[in-house]
């Protein structure tokens, strides 16, 4: 019977803890009031739950746990008193750096609302605000409940406002927090509509390595949410990203962001406005030592070609046919599949033959407008087709194939006209 009772307590305890943290978030969202002196009595129910021994713990384990809990309670009390709040924030940062348990327990003890309230401090040196931000940063590591609670407490808008000071230490701390908080899907739209995106773009363009890397990763997180794409397209993020393609330490994530942006019409429109966007993306096909970048670049071009007749024409004029043929020989398995499918879809695209499957009304209007320039497109297509044979010989040499290699009938047929197909990859 004793074992059954212990097992029942072990199952019941986590549910009670989650109930308490939810109550804490509901009651603490931005309504924290500082005290000039004295300390607030902690919840007796919470204390008893946290001290309750697990069935496998001995007396020594229980004693250490009680001492640790008392230490955390003392830190939480410091955050209830104005004179010791900064000291409490520093303690939270230290205790939560490498301790997942301390992150959960301190959140249950209610430290998040007072830490967020420190952002309202009139400290002109930003010492208290920076201490609070790094405490919250550590509380959020690997803890989705804390990430949600921090945002619910009103931290995002306050951090954006603090960053307007231009202080480099403040901006670095804010960007680091947005990186952590944006990892939670429910936080992405909230951060995106807060004004954080222009801040992150400016940090990305800075010469400071850590904020630059953190902002790039945060922008990738935010680009996953479709609701953020329009706001990202309104900044100069996309033009800047194209200037940095080629820097190998950034290129993979840059192409990932562009791939997410290309999923929405606002992102595609902005990409197509960039001078040499298509040649730059096509140049990535030559990165044989970076197959992931090949795959991401081919995905962007494939989506844009699928959605816009005008973009397809621009790609043809930029020489995408020969680039795709080369990719079918030298690319990764996935990149080869995408290149082959795109080549099939491009067959006959210099003329008025069937475009990629099922146009929307917008795409049909684009095609109607593009047809007015069809004569020039036809001439370009003829030039492209005339160069295919010589390009094939060059690509065979680059692929180290036998000198007597003969292209398959499938590859030869890619320049002929036929019905287009959709792009499932």
Protein backbone atom coordinates (compact mmCIF):
# COMPACT_ATOMS: atom_id res chain seq x y z
CA UNK A 1 0.00 0.00 0.00
CA UNK A 2 2.84 2.35 0.83
CA UNK A 3 4.28 2.03 -2.66
CA UNK A 4 0.93 2.72 -4.26
CA UNK A 5 0.48 5.85 -2.17
CA UNK A 6 3.96 7.08 -3.08
CA UNK A 7 3.30 6.48 -6.76
CA UNK A 8 0.05 8.41 -6.50
CA UNK A 9 1.82 11.38 -4.97
CA UNK A 10 4.48 11.30 -7.71
CA UNK A 11 1.81 11.50 -10.40
CA UNK A 12 -0.23 14.14 -8.61
CA UNK A 13 2.65 16.50 -7.81
CA UNK A 14 3.58 17.63 -11.39
CA UNK A 15 -0.07 18.41 -12.09
CA UNK A 16 -0.25 20.59 -8.98
CA UNK A 17 2.98 22.40 -9.97
CA UNK A 18 1.68 23.18 -13.46
CA UNK A 19 -1.57 24.44 -11.97
CA UNK A 20 0.42 26.78 -9.73
CA UNK A 21 2.61 28.15 -12.54
CA UNK A 22 -0.47 28.85 -14.66
CA UNK A 23 -2.08 30.67 -11.73
CA UNK A 24 1.16 32.61 -11.27
CA UNK A 25 1.16 33.74 -14.92
CA UNK A 26 -2.50 34.74 -14.79
CA UNK A 27 -2.02 36.79 -11.65
CA UNK A 28 1.40 38.24 -12.44
CA UNK A 29 1.12 39.54 -15.99
CA UNK A 30 2.49 43.05 -15.63
CA UNK A 31 0.62 43.89 -12.43
CA UNK A 32 3.52 43.52 -10.02
CA UNK A 33 3.84 46.19 -7.32
CA UNK A 34 7.19 46.81 -5.66
CA UNK A 35 7.56 47.00 -1.90
CA UNK A 36 9.77 49.55 -0.19
CA UNK A 37 10.69 47.22 2.68
CA UNK A 38 9.81 43.89 4.27
CA UNK A 39 9.04 40.71 2.35
CA UNK A 40 5.97 38.97 1.02
CA UNK A 41 4.91 35.70 2.58
CA UNK A 42 5.31 32.85 0.11
CA UNK A 43 2.53 30.45 -0.67
CA UNK A 44 2.44 27.76 2.00
CA UNK A 45 0.82 25.37 -0.45
CA UNK A 46 3.63 25.89 -2.97
CA UNK A 47 6.32 25.49 -0.33
CA UNK A 48 4.86 22.23 0.89
CA UNK A 49 4.59 20.89 -2.67
CA UNK A 50 8.18 21.78 -3.50
CA UNK A 51 9.50 20.26 -0.27
CA UNK A 52 7.50 17.06 -0.61
CA UNK A 53 9.94 14.16 -1.01
CA UNK A 54 9.83 11.80 -3.97
CA UNK A 55 9.47 8.12 -3.15
CA UNK A 56 13.09 7.39 -4.09
CA UNK A 57 14.66 10.17 -1.97
CA UNK A 58 16.43 9.54 1.32
CA UNK A 59 16.80 11.86 4.32
CA UNK A 60 20.00 13.44 2.96
CA UNK A 61 18.38 14.14 -0.40
CA UNK A 62 15.40 15.75 1.31
CA UNK A 63 17.69 17.94 3.44
CA UNK A 64 19.64 19.17 0.39
CA UNK A 65 16.41 19.86 -1.47
CA UNK A 66 15.03 21.89 1.44
CA UNK A 67 18.23 23.93 1.61
CA UNK A 68 18.14 24.57 -2.14
CA UNK A 69 14.48 25.57 -1.96
CA UNK A 70 15.18 27.95 0.89
CA UNK A 71 17.96 29.58 -1.16
CA UNK A 72 15.61 30.06 -4.11
CA UNK A 73 12.88 31.46 -1.83
CA UNK A 74 15.37 33.99 -0.44
CA UNK A 75 16.17 35.11 -4.00
CA UNK A 76 12.48 35.46 -4.79
CA UNK A 77 12.04 37.61 -1.65
CA UNK A 78 14.82 39.94 -2.81
CA UNK A 79 12.80 40.64 -5.93
CA UNK A 80 9.85 41.79 -3.82
CA UNK A 81 11.83 44.63 -2.21
CA UNK A 82 12.91 47.64 -4.26
CA UNK A 83 16.28 48.02 -2.56
CA UNK A 84 17.36 44.43 -3.34
CA UNK A 85 15.72 43.81 -6.71
CA UNK A 86 18.87 44.19 -8.81
CA UNK A 87 20.76 41.88 -6.47
CA UNK A 88 17.91 39.40 -6.82
CA UNK A 89 18.07 39.61 -10.63
CA UNK A 90 21.81 38.90 -10.56
CA UNK A 91 21.15 35.88 -8.31
CA UNK A 92 18.46 34.56 -10.66
CA UNK A 93 20.84 34.80 -13.61
CA UNK A 94 23.55 32.92 -11.69
CA UNK A 95 21.32 30.18 -10.30
CA UNK A 96 19.52 29.45 -13.58
CA UNK A 97 22.55 29.39 -15.85
CA UNK A 98 22.99 25.60 -15.72
CA UNK A 99 20.09 24.40 -13.57
CA UNK A 100 16.80 23.51 -15.34
CA UNK A 101 15.18 22.75 -11.98
CA UNK A 102 15.96 26.21 -10.65
CA UNK A 103 14.35 27.76 -13.74
CA UNK A 104 11.08 25.97 -13.05
CA UNK A 105 11.10 26.54 -9.30
CA UNK A 106 11.93 30.26 -9.49
CA UNK A 107 9.16 30.77 -12.04
CA UNK A 108 6.77 28.99 -9.67
CA UNK A 109 7.96 31.30 -6.90
CA UNK A 110 6.84 34.26 -9.02
CA UNK A 111 10.11 35.91 -10.10
CA UNK A 112 9.09 36.71 -13.69
CA UNK A 113 6.70 39.67 -13.06
CA UNK A 114 9.16 41.57 -10.79
CA UNK A 115 11.99 40.99 -13.26
CA UNK A 116 9.85 42.45 -16.07
CA UNK A 117 8.95 45.40 -13.83
CA UNK A 118 12.65 46.29 -13.63
CA UNK A 119 12.43 47.40 -17.27
CA UNK A 120 10.46 50.41 -16.04
CA UNK A 121 13.32 51.50 -13.76
CA UNK A 122 14.71 54.98 -14.35
CA UNK A 123 18.29 53.69 -14.24
CA UNK A 124 20.14 55.82 -16.80
CA UNK A 125 23.05 53.36 -16.81
CA UNK A 126 20.66 50.47 -17.62
CA UNK A 127 22.32 48.30 -14.95
CA UNK A 128 19.01 47.06 -13.53
CA UNK A 129 17.41 46.50 -16.95
CA UNK A 130 20.38 44.51 -18.26
CA UNK A 131 20.46 42.40 -15.08
CA UNK A 132 16.74 41.65 -15.51
CA UNK A 133 17.13 40.77 -19.20
CA UNK A 134 19.90 38.25 -18.62
CA UNK A 135 17.96 36.73 -15.71
CA UNK A 136 14.94 36.28 -18.00
CA UNK A 137 17.19 34.96 -20.77
CA UNK A 138 18.43 32.15 -18.50
CA UNK A 139 14.95 31.43 -17.15
CA UNK A 140 13.73 30.81 -20.71
CA UNK A 141 16.47 28.34 -21.71
CA UNK A 142 14.83 25.03 -22.55
CA UNK A 143 11.62 26.00 -20.75
CA UNK A 144 8.61 26.71 -22.97
CA UNK A 145 6.35 27.51 -20.01
CA UNK A 146 8.74 30.27 -18.92
CA UNK A 147 9.04 31.59 -22.49
CA UNK A 148 5.26 31.95 -22.63
CA UNK A 149 5.10 33.51 -19.14
CA UNK A 150 7.76 36.12 -19.96
CA UNK A 151 5.86 37.27 -23.05
CA UNK A 152 2.54 37.21 -21.18
CA UNK A 153 4.06 39.47 -18.51
CA UNK A 154 4.59 42.20 -21.15
CA UNK A 155 8.35 41.84 -21.61
CA UNK A 156 8.43 42.12 -25.42
CA UNK A 157 7.04 45.65 -25.80
CA UNK A 158 9.18 46.89 -22.92
CA UNK A 159 12.35 45.43 -24.42
CA UNK A 160 11.60 47.01 -27.80
CA UNK A 161 11.16 50.36 -26.07
CA UNK A 162 14.41 49.94 -24.14
CA UNK A 163 16.31 49.19 -27.35
CA UNK A 164 15.36 52.63 -28.67
CA UNK A 165 18.02 54.05 -26.36
CA UNK A 166 20.64 52.76 -28.81
CA UNK A 167 22.84 51.53 -25.98
CA UNK A 168 24.85 48.63 -27.44
CA UNK A 169 24.74 46.52 -24.26
CA UNK A 170 20.96 46.92 -24.06
CA UNK A 171 20.47 46.04 -27.73
CA UNK A 172 22.66 42.95 -27.38
CA UNK A 173 20.64 41.75 -24.38
CA UNK A 174 17.32 42.45 -26.13
CA UNK A 175 18.36 40.59 -29.28
CA UNK A 176 19.53 37.59 -27.22
CA UNK A 177 16.14 37.49 -25.47
CA UNK A 178 14.22 37.68 -28.75
CA UNK A 179 16.26 34.75 -30.06
CA UNK A 180 15.20 32.61 -27.10
CA UNK A 181 11.58 33.76 -26.93
CA UNK A 182 11.01 33.43 -30.70
CA UNK A 183 11.74 29.71 -30.54
CA UNK A 184 8.22 29.17 -29.14
CA UNK A 185 5.61 29.13 -31.91
CA UNK A 186 2.95 30.98 -29.91
CA UNK A 187 5.42 33.83 -29.29
CA UNK A 188 6.37 34.36 -32.95
CA UNK A 189 3.34 36.50 -33.98
CA UNK A 190 3.51 38.54 -30.77
CA UNK A 191 7.17 39.40 -31.27
CA UNK A 192 6.61 40.04 -34.98
CA UNK A 193 3.94 42.68 -34.44
CA UNK A 194 5.78 44.40 -31.58
CA UNK A 195 8.24 46.35 -33.70
CA UNK A 196 11.03 43.89 -32.99
CA UNK A 197 11.68 43.03 -36.66
CA UNK A 198 13.25 46.40 -37.65
CA UNK A 199 15.37 46.21 -34.49
CA UNK A 200 16.61 42.74 -35.42
CA UNK A 201 17.35 43.83 -38.99
CA UNK A 202 19.47 46.74 -37.71
CA UNK A 203 21.32 44.38 -35.35
CA UNK A 204 21.95 42.04 -38.28
CA UNK A 205 23.54 44.90 -40.24
CA UNK A 206 25.80 45.87 -37.33
CA UNK A 207 29.48 44.98 -37.04
CA UNK A 208 29.01 43.24 -33.69
CA UNK A 209 29.42 39.50 -34.17
CA UNK A 210 27.20 38.16 -31.38
CA UNK A 211 24.16 40.41 -32.00
CA UNK A 212 24.53 39.75 -35.73
CA UNK A 213 24.44 35.99 -35.26
CA UNK A 214 21.61 36.13 -32.69
CA UNK A 215 19.49 38.42 -34.86
CA UNK A 216 19.94 36.20 -37.93
CA UNK A 217 18.73 33.17 -35.98
CA UNK A 218 15.86 35.15 -34.43
CA UNK A 219 14.76 36.39 -37.86
CA UNK A 220 14.78 32.80 -39.09
CA UNK A 221 12.52 31.82 -36.19
CA UNK A 222 10.13 34.69 -36.95
CA UNK A 223 10.09 33.94 -40.69
CA UNK A 224 8.52 30.56 -39.93
CA UNK A 225 5.29 32.33 -38.98
CA UNK A 226 3.38 33.47 -42.12
CA UNK A 227 1.96 36.44 -40.20
CA UNK A 228 5.45 37.98 -39.97
CA UNK A 229 6.42 37.80 -43.65
CA UNK A 230 4.74 41.05 -44.74
CA UNK A 231 6.48 43.00 -41.95
CA UNK A 232 9.84 41.46 -42.85
CA UNK A 233 9.36 42.27 -46.54
CA UNK A 234 8.71 45.93 -45.68
CA UNK A 235 12.21 46.33 -44.22
CA UNK A 236 15.48 46.21 -46.16
CA UNK A 237 16.11 42.69 -44.83
CA UNK A 238 15.83 40.92 -48.19
CA UNK A 239 18.23 43.24 -50.07
CA UNK A 240 20.73 42.91 -47.24
CA UNK A 241 20.47 39.11 -47.19
CA UNK A 242 21.32 38.96 -50.90
CA UNK A 243 24.48 40.99 -50.29
CA UNK A 244 25.66 38.38 -47.77
CA UNK A 245 25.01 35.23 -49.79
CA UNK A 246 28.46 33.79 -50.32
CA UNK A 247 29.61 34.18 -46.72
CA UNK A 248 29.55 30.50 -45.82
CA UNK A 249 28.99 30.97 -42.09
CA UNK A 250 25.74 32.80 -42.85
CA UNK A 251 24.57 31.52 -46.22
CA UNK A 252 22.71 28.41 -45.10
CA UNK A 253 20.53 30.32 -42.66
CA UNK A 254 20.08 33.23 -45.11
CA UNK A 255 18.76 30.82 -47.75
CA UNK A 256 16.48 29.26 -45.14
CA UNK A 257 14.99 32.68 -44.36
CA UNK A 258 14.56 33.47 -48.06
CA UNK A 259 12.86 30.09 -48.54
CA UNK A 260 10.35 30.94 -45.81
CA UNK A 261 9.77 34.42 -47.25
CA UNK A 262 9.21 32.98 -50.73
CA UNK A 263 6.20 31.07 -49.38
CA UNK A 264 4.15 34.31 -49.33
CA UNK A 265 3.36 36.68 -52.17
CA UNK A 266 4.85 39.68 -50.31
CA UNK A 267 8.16 37.89 -49.94
CA UNK A 268 8.27 36.70 -53.55
CA UNK A 269 7.48 40.18 -54.83
CA UNK A 270 10.31 41.68 -52.79
CA UNK A 271 12.79 39.02 -53.91
CA UNK A 272 11.94 39.53 -57.58
CA UNK A 273 12.62 43.26 -57.19
CA UNK A 274 16.25 42.63 -56.22
CA UNK A 275 18.66 43.22 -59.08
CA UNK A 276 20.45 39.98 -60.01
CA UNK A 277 18.46 37.97 -57.47
CA UNK A 278 18.05 35.03 -59.83
CA UNK A 279 21.69 34.93 -61.03
CA UNK A 280 22.84 35.05 -57.40
CA UNK A 281 20.59 32.13 -56.45
CA UNK A 282 21.65 30.23 -59.57
CA UNK A 283 25.31 30.72 -58.67
CA UNK A 284 24.69 28.71 -55.49
CA UNK A 285 24.10 25.68 -57.74
CA UNK A 286 27.89 25.59 -58.21
CA UNK A 287 28.53 25.10 -54.48
CA UNK A 288 29.27 21.38 -54.79
CA UNK A 289 30.74 21.33 -51.27
CA UNK A 290 27.50 22.72 -49.81
CA UNK A 291 24.62 20.49 -50.93
CA UNK A 292 22.21 21.98 -48.37
CA UNK A 293 22.67 25.42 -49.91
CA UNK A 294 22.09 23.95 -53.37
CA UNK A 295 18.83 22.44 -52.14
CA UNK A 296 17.62 25.62 -50.49
CA UNK A 297 18.46 27.81 -53.49
CA UNK A 298 16.73 25.42 -55.90
CA UNK A 299 13.68 25.41 -53.62
CA UNK A 300 13.41 29.23 -53.68
CA UNK A 301 13.69 29.36 -57.47
CA UNK A 302 11.25 26.47 -57.86
CA UNK A 303 8.59 28.14 -55.71
CA UNK A 304 8.97 31.49 -57.46
CA UNK A 305 8.86 29.91 -60.91
CA UNK A 306 5.76 27.95 -59.92
CA UNK A 307 3.94 31.08 -58.74
CA UNK A 308 4.87 33.68 -61.37
CA UNK A 309 5.08 33.52 -65.16
CA UNK A 310 7.07 36.77 -65.24
CA UNK A 311 9.63 35.36 -62.80
CA UNK A 312 9.98 32.25 -64.98
CA UNK A 313 10.70 34.44 -68.00
CA UNK A 314 13.30 36.39 -66.02
CA UNK A 315 14.96 33.12 -64.97
CA UNK A 316 15.13 31.93 -68.58
CA UNK A 317 16.73 35.20 -69.63
CA UNK A 318 19.25 34.81 -66.79
CA UNK A 319 20.32 31.42 -68.20
CA UNK A 320 18.64 29.08 -65.75
CA UNK A 321 18.29 26.26 -68.30
CA UNK A 322 22.02 25.54 -68.51
CA UNK A 323 22.40 26.07 -64.74
CA UNK A 324 19.68 23.49 -64.06
CA UNK A 325 21.24 21.02 -66.48
CA UNK A 326 24.51 21.35 -64.61
CA UNK A 327 22.73 20.86 -61.29
CA UNK A 328 21.20 17.58 -62.53
CA UNK A 329 24.77 16.30 -62.88
CA UNK A 330 26.59 17.88 -59.95
CA UNK A 331 23.91 18.56 -57.34
CA UNK A 332 22.79 16.57 -54.29
CA UNK A 333 20.05 13.99 -54.76
CA UNK A 334 17.29 16.39 -53.68
CA UNK A 335 18.76 19.27 -55.72
CA UNK A 336 18.90 17.01 -58.79
CA UNK A 337 15.23 16.10 -58.35
CA UNK A 338 14.23 19.74 -58.10
CA UNK A 339 16.38 20.73 -61.07
CA UNK A 340 14.91 17.93 -63.20
CA UNK A 341 11.36 18.89 -62.30
CA UNK A 342 12.05 22.57 -63.02
CA UNK A 343 13.55 21.69 -66.41
CA UNK A 344 10.40 19.77 -67.27
CA UNK A 345 8.27 22.73 -66.24
CA UNK A 346 10.36 25.17 -68.27
CA UNK A 347 9.90 23.29 -71.54
CA UNK A 348 8.43 25.64 -74.11
CA UNK A 349 8.14 28.54 -71.70
CA UNK A 350 9.51 31.00 -74.24
CA UNK A 351 6.26 30.59 -76.18
CA UNK A 352 2.65 30.77 -75.20
CA UNK A 353 2.43 27.07 -74.39
CA UNK A 354 0.88 25.87 -71.16
CA UNK A 355 2.39 27.40 -68.02
CA UNK A 356 2.84 25.51 -64.75
CA UNK A 357 -0.34 23.87 -63.53
CA UNK A 358 -3.45 25.75 -62.42
CA UNK A 359 -2.88 29.51 -62.50
CA UNK A 360 -4.62 31.87 -60.16
CA UNK A 361 -6.30 34.98 -61.61
CA UNK A 362 -3.26 37.03 -60.55
CA UNK A 363 -0.86 34.67 -62.33
CA UNK A 364 -3.04 34.69 -65.46
CA UNK A 365 -2.92 38.49 -65.54
CA UNK A 366 0.87 38.36 -65.19
CA UNK A 367 1.05 36.01 -68.14
CA UNK A 368 -1.17 38.26 -70.27
CA UNK A 369 1.16 41.21 -69.58
CA UNK A 370 4.24 39.13 -70.26
CA UNK A 371 2.92 37.98 -73.61
CA UNK A 372 3.36 41.51 -74.91
CA UNK A 373 7.11 40.91 -74.71
CA UNK A 374 6.99 37.40 -76.13
CA UNK A 375 9.00 38.18 -79.28
CA UNK A 376 12.01 39.18 -77.25
CA UNK A 377 11.55 36.13 -75.03
CA UNK A 378 11.44 33.86 -78.07
CA UNK A 379 14.75 35.24 -79.29
CA UNK A 380 16.30 34.65 -75.84
CA UNK A 381 14.98 31.11 -75.77
CA UNK A 382 16.52 30.34 -79.16
CA UNK A 383 19.89 31.56 -77.93
CA UNK A 384 19.57 29.41 -74.81
CA UNK A 385 18.71 26.32 -76.83
CA UNK A 386 21.63 26.89 -79.19
CA UNK A 387 24.05 26.97 -76.26
CA UNK A 388 22.79 23.78 -74.63
CA UNK A 389 24.91 21.44 -76.71
CA UNK A 390 28.19 23.25 -75.95
CA UNK A 391 27.25 23.61 -72.28
CA UNK A 392 26.58 19.88 -72.06
CA UNK A 393 30.12 19.06 -73.21
CA UNK A 394 31.54 21.44 -70.60
CA UNK A 395 29.42 19.93 -67.83
CA UNK A 396 30.41 16.38 -68.79
CA UNK A 397 34.07 17.39 -68.36
CA UNK A 398 33.35 19.01 -64.96
CA UNK A 399 31.55 15.87 -63.79
CA UNK A 400 34.60 13.75 -64.81
CA UNK A 401 32.44 11.51 -66.96
CA UNK A 402 33.93 9.34 -69.77
CA UNK A 403 34.82 11.22 -72.93
CA UNK A 404 32.42 9.09 -74.94
CA UNK A 405 29.51 9.89 -72.59
CA UNK A 406 26.27 10.39 -74.49
CA UNK A 407 23.46 12.38 -72.79
CA UNK A 408 20.36 10.32 -72.09
CA UNK A 409 17.27 10.70 -74.20
CA UNK A 410 15.60 12.20 -71.12
CA UNK A 411 18.11 15.04 -70.91
CA UNK A 412 17.93 15.63 -74.64
CA UNK A 413 14.17 15.89 -74.43
CA UNK A 414 14.28 18.63 -71.81
CA UNK A 415 14.56 21.29 -74.49
CA UNK A 416 11.49 20.05 -76.33
CA UNK A 417 7.98 21.25 -75.60
CA UNK A 418 5.49 19.19 -73.61
CA UNK A 419 2.87 19.46 -70.93
CA UNK A 420 4.07 21.07 -67.68
CA UNK A 421 3.85 19.42 -64.29
CA UNK A 422 3.41 20.68 -60.75
CA UNK A 423 6.37 20.93 -58.39
CA UNK A 424 5.94 18.60 -55.40
CA UNK A 425 9.46 18.67 -53.98
